[in-house]
Amino acid sequence: MSFIGNLLSMAITLLIYAFIGRAIISWLFLAGVRNDLVIQINRALGKLTEPIIAPLRRVIPPLGMFDITPIVAIVGLVVLRAIIRGL
């Protein structure tokens, strides 16, 4: 794989971790953990992930009280990373 392919693959992997981190932080918020560090991390992860999730939310409705758009985004990123690695 080329240098650019490796770089794109690493960037996609970091985005996947950002989505997972955002999910974990949302669980912390539900548990009542809201200190300054957690809030700052949540904002940073939101800035990274929201440009991907926002268009998906317009297309995919929530399932009851569950928002599945992060799962759809992660699956899409995994597929994209596999395609890039295959080139």
N, C-alpha and C. Protein backbone atom coordinates (compact mmCIF):
# COMPACT_ATOMS: atom_id res chain seq x y z
N MET A 1 0.86 -1.18 0.00
CA MET A 1 0.00 0.00 0.00
C MET A 1 0.90 1.23 0.00
N SER A 2 0.47 2.26 -0.67
CA SER A 2 1.24 3.49 -0.80
C SER A 2 1.20 4.31 0.48
N PHE A 3 2.05 5.32 0.52
CA PHE A 3 2.10 6.22 1.67
C PHE A 3 0.76 6.91 1.88
N ILE A 4 0.15 7.38 0.80
CA ILE A 4 -1.14 8.07 0.91
C ILE A 4 -2.23 7.10 1.37
N GLY A 5 -2.18 5.87 0.87
CA GLY A 5 -3.14 4.87 1.31
C GLY A 5 -3.01 4.57 2.79
N ASN A 6 -1.76 4.44 3.27
CA ASN A 6 -1.53 4.23 4.70
C ASN A 6 -2.03 5.41 5.52
N LEU A 7 -1.77 6.61 5.03
CA LEU A 7 -2.20 7.82 5.74
C LEU A 7 -3.73 7.89 5.83
N LEU A 8 -4.40 7.61 4.72
CA LEU A 8 -5.88 7.60 4.73
C LEU A 8 -6.41 6.51 5.64
N SER A 9 -5.79 5.35 5.62
CA SER A 9 -6.23 4.25 6.48
C SER A 9 -6.08 4.62 7.95
N MET A 10 -4.98 5.27 8.32
CA MET A 10 -4.79 5.69 9.70
C MET A 10 -5.79 6.77 10.10
N ALA A 11 -6.08 7.70 9.19
CA ALA A 11 -7.06 8.75 9.48
C ALA A 11 -8.45 8.16 9.70
N ILE A 12 -8.81 7.18 8.90
CA ILE A 12 -10.11 6.52 9.05
C ILE A 12 -10.15 5.76 10.37
N THR A 13 -9.06 5.10 10.73
CA THR A 13 -9.00 4.39 12.01
C THR A 13 -9.18 5.36 13.17
N LEU A 14 -8.55 6.52 13.10
CA LEU A 14 -8.71 7.53 14.15
C LEU A 14 -10.15 8.02 14.23
N LEU A 15 -10.80 8.18 13.08
CA LEU A 15 -12.22 8.57 13.08
C LEU A 15 -13.10 7.50 13.74
N ILE A 16 -12.79 6.25 13.47
CA ILE A 16 -13.55 5.16 14.10
C ILE A 16 -13.39 5.24 15.61
N TYR A 17 -12.16 5.45 16.08
CA TYR A 17 -11.93 5.59 17.52
C TYR A 17 -12.64 6.82 18.09
N ALA A 18 -12.73 7.89 17.30
CA ALA A 18 -13.44 9.09 17.75
C ALA A 18 -14.92 8.79 17.95
N PHE A 19 -15.51 8.01 17.05
CA PHE A 19 -16.92 7.63 17.20
C PHE A 19 -17.12 6.77 18.45
N ILE A 20 -16.20 5.83 18.68
CA ILE A 20 -16.30 4.98 19.86
C ILE A 20 -16.14 5.82 21.13
N GLY A 21 -15.20 6.74 21.12
CA GLY A 21 -15.00 7.62 22.26
C GLY A 21 -16.21 8.49 22.54
N ARG A 22 -16.82 8.98 21.48
CA ARG A 22 -18.02 9.80 21.64
C ARG A 22 -19.16 8.99 22.27
N ALA A 23 -19.28 7.73 21.88
CA ALA A 23 -20.32 6.87 22.46
C ALA A 23 -20.04 6.63 23.95
N ILE A 24 -18.79 6.38 24.29
CA ILE A 24 -18.44 6.15 25.69
C ILE A 24 -18.72 7.39 26.52
N ILE A 25 -18.38 8.55 25.99
CA ILE A 25 -18.63 9.79 26.72
C ILE A 25 -20.13 10.04 26.88
N SER A 26 -20.93 9.68 25.89
CA SER A 26 -22.37 9.86 26.04
C SER A 26 -22.89 8.98 27.18
N TRP A 27 -22.30 7.80 27.35
CA TRP A 27 -22.69 6.94 28.47
C TRP A 27 -22.26 7.57 29.79
N LEU A 28 -21.10 8.21 29.81
CA LEU A 28 -20.66 8.90 31.03
C LEU A 28 -21.63 10.02 31.38
N PHE A 29 -22.09 10.75 30.37
CA PHE A 29 -23.07 11.81 30.62
C PHE A 29 -24.35 11.23 31.21
N LEU A 30 -24.78 10.08 30.70
CA LEU A 30 -25.98 9.44 31.24
C LEU A 30 -25.77 9.01 32.70
N ALA A 31 -24.52 8.68 33.03
CA ALA A 31 -24.20 8.26 34.40
C ALA A 31 -23.99 9.45 35.32
N GLY A 32 -24.03 10.66 34.78
CA GLY A 32 -23.90 11.86 35.60
C GLY A 32 -22.49 12.40 35.73
N VAL A 33 -21.54 11.84 34.97
CA VAL A 33 -20.16 12.33 35.01
C VAL A 33 -20.05 13.51 34.05
N ARG A 34 -19.90 14.70 34.61
CA ARG A 34 -19.83 15.91 33.76
C ARG A 34 -18.81 16.88 34.34
N ASN A 35 -17.54 16.53 34.23
CA ASN A 35 -16.52 17.49 34.65
C ASN A 35 -15.96 18.20 33.42
N ASP A 36 -15.11 19.18 33.64
CA ASP A 36 -14.61 20.00 32.53
C ASP A 36 -13.85 19.18 31.49
N LEU A 37 -13.05 18.23 31.94
CA LEU A 37 -12.27 17.42 30.99
C LEU A 37 -13.19 16.61 30.09
N VAL A 38 -14.19 15.97 30.66
CA VAL A 38 -15.12 15.16 29.87
C VAL A 38 -15.88 16.03 28.87
N ILE A 39 -16.27 17.20 29.30
CA ILE A 39 -17.00 18.12 28.41
C ILE A 39 -16.10 18.59 27.26
N GLN A 40 -14.84 18.89 27.55
CA GLN A 40 -13.91 19.32 26.49
C GLN A 40 -13.64 18.20 25.50
N ILE A 41 -13.46 16.99 26.01
CA ILE A 41 -13.24 15.84 25.11
C ILE A 41 -14.47 15.62 24.25
N ASN A 42 -15.66 15.74 24.83
CA ASN A 42 -16.90 15.57 24.07
C ASN A 42 -17.01 16.60 22.95
N ARG A 43 -16.65 17.83 23.25
CA ARG A 43 -16.70 18.88 22.21
C ARG A 43 -15.72 18.59 21.08
N ALA A 44 -14.50 18.16 21.44
CA ALA A 44 -13.49 17.86 20.41
C ALA A 44 -13.94 16.69 19.54
N LEU A 45 -14.45 15.64 20.17
CA LEU A 45 -14.92 14.50 19.39
C LEU A 45 -16.14 14.87 18.54
N GLY A 46 -16.97 15.75 19.05
CA GLY A 46 -18.12 16.22 18.27
C GLY A 46 -17.70 16.97 17.03
N LYS A 47 -16.66 17.78 17.15
CA LYS A 47 -16.17 18.52 15.98
C LYS A 47 -15.60 17.57 14.92
N LEU A 48 -15.02 16.47 15.35
CA LEU A 48 -14.47 15.49 14.40
C LEU A 48 -15.56 14.64 13.75
N THR A 49 -16.56 14.27 14.52
CA THR A 49 -17.53 13.28 14.02
C THR A 49 -18.82 13.88 13.47
N GLU A 50 -19.18 15.05 13.90
CA GLU A 50 -20.46 15.63 13.49
C GLU A 50 -20.57 15.86 11.97
N PRO A 51 -19.49 16.25 11.27
CA PRO A 51 -19.62 16.40 9.81
C PRO A 51 -19.99 15.10 9.09
N ILE A 52 -19.71 13.98 9.70
CA ILE A 52 -20.07 12.70 9.10
C ILE A 52 -21.47 12.29 9.54
N ILE A 53 -21.80 12.51 10.80
CA ILE A 53 -23.09 12.07 11.34
C ILE A 53 -24.25 12.94 10.88
N ALA A 54 -24.05 14.24 10.76
CA ALA A 54 -25.16 15.15 10.43
C ALA A 54 -25.88 14.76 9.13
N PRO A 55 -25.17 14.51 8.04
CA PRO A 55 -25.91 14.10 6.82
C PRO A 55 -26.62 12.76 6.98
N LEU A 56 -26.02 11.86 7.76
CA LEU A 56 -26.67 10.56 7.97
C LEU A 56 -27.96 10.71 8.77
N ARG A 57 -27.96 11.63 9.71
CA ARG A 57 -29.17 11.83 10.54
C ARG A 57 -30.34 12.35 9.70
N ARG A 58 -30.05 13.05 8.61
CA ARG A 58 -31.13 13.53 7.74
C ARG A 58 -31.76 12.38 6.97
N VAL A 59 -31.02 11.30 6.78
CA VAL A 59 -31.50 10.17 5.99
C VAL A 59 -32.03 9.03 6.87
N ILE A 60 -31.35 8.79 8.00
CA ILE A 60 -31.68 7.66 8.86
C ILE A 60 -32.44 8.16 10.09
N PRO A 61 -33.69 7.76 10.23
CA PRO A 61 -34.46 8.20 11.41
C PRO A 61 -34.02 7.43 12.65
N PRO A 62 -34.19 8.03 13.83
CA PRO A 62 -33.86 7.29 15.06
C PRO A 62 -34.81 6.12 15.27
N LEU A 63 -34.31 5.07 15.86
CA LEU A 63 -35.13 3.91 16.20
C LEU A 63 -35.58 4.04 17.64
N GLY A 64 -36.74 4.64 17.83
CA GLY A 64 -37.20 4.94 19.19
C GLY A 64 -36.31 6.00 19.80
N MET A 65 -35.67 5.66 20.91
CA MET A 65 -34.76 6.62 21.52
C MET A 65 -33.30 6.34 21.16
N PHE A 66 -33.07 5.41 20.23
CA PHE A 66 -31.72 5.04 19.84
C PHE A 66 -31.34 5.70 18.52
N ASP A 67 -30.16 6.29 18.51
CA ASP A 67 -29.60 6.90 17.31
C ASP A 67 -28.57 5.93 16.74
N ILE A 68 -28.88 5.33 15.61
CA ILE A 68 -27.97 4.33 15.04
C ILE A 68 -26.99 4.93 14.03
N THR A 69 -27.04 6.23 13.82
CA THR A 69 -26.14 6.83 12.82
C THR A 69 -24.66 6.63 13.14
N PRO A 70 -24.22 6.65 14.41
CA PRO A 70 -22.80 6.36 14.63
C PRO A 70 -22.40 4.95 14.20
N ILE A 71 -23.30 3.99 14.39
CA ILE A 71 -23.01 2.62 13.97
C ILE A 71 -22.91 2.54 12.45
N VAL A 72 -23.83 3.21 11.77
CA VAL A 72 -23.81 3.25 10.31
C VAL A 72 -22.52 3.92 9.82
N ALA A 73 -22.13 5.00 10.49
CA ALA A 73 -20.90 5.71 10.11
C ALA A 73 -19.68 4.82 10.31
N ILE A 74 -19.62 4.10 11.43
CA ILE A 74 -18.48 3.22 11.69
C ILE A 74 -18.41 2.11 10.65
N VAL A 75 -19.54 1.50 10.33
CA VAL A 75 -19.56 0.45 9.31
C VAL A 75 -19.10 1.01 7.97
N GLY A 76 -19.59 2.19 7.61
CA GLY A 76 -19.15 2.82 6.36
C GLY A 76 -17.67 3.11 6.35
N LEU A 77 -17.13 3.57 7.47
CA LEU A 77 -15.69 3.85 7.54
C LEU A 77 -14.87 2.57 7.46
N VAL A 78 -15.35 1.50 8.08
CA VAL A 78 -14.64 0.21 8.00
C VAL A 78 -14.61 -0.29 6.55
N VAL A 79 -15.73 -0.16 5.86
CA VAL A 79 -15.78 -0.57 4.45
C VAL A 79 -14.85 0.30 3.61
N LEU A 80 -14.88 1.60 3.83
CA LEU A 80 -13.99 2.51 3.09
C LEU A 80 -12.53 2.18 3.34
N ARG A 81 -12.18 1.89 4.60
CA ARG A 81 -10.80 1.54 4.92
C ARG A 81 -10.40 0.23 4.23
N ALA A 82 -11.31 -0.74 4.17
CA ALA A 82 -11.02 -2.01 3.49
C ALA A 82 -10.80 -1.78 1.99
N ILE A 83 -11.59 -0.89 1.40
CA ILE A 83 -11.42 -0.58 -0.02
C ILE A 83 -10.07 0.08 -0.25
N ILE A 84 -9.70 1.02 0.61
CA ILE A 84 -8.41 1.70 0.45
C ILE A 84 -7.26 0.72 0.62
N ARG A 85 -7.37 -0.17 1.60
CA ARG A 85 -6.30 -1.16 1.81
C ARG A 85 -6.20 -2.13 0.65
N GLY A 86 -7.31 -2.37 -0.04
CA GLY A 86 -7.30 -3.28 -1.17
C GLY A 86 -6.69 -2.69 -2.43
N LEU A 87 -6.56 -1.38 -2.48
CA LEU A 87 -6.00 -0.74 -3.68
C LEU A 87 -4.54 -0.93 -3.74
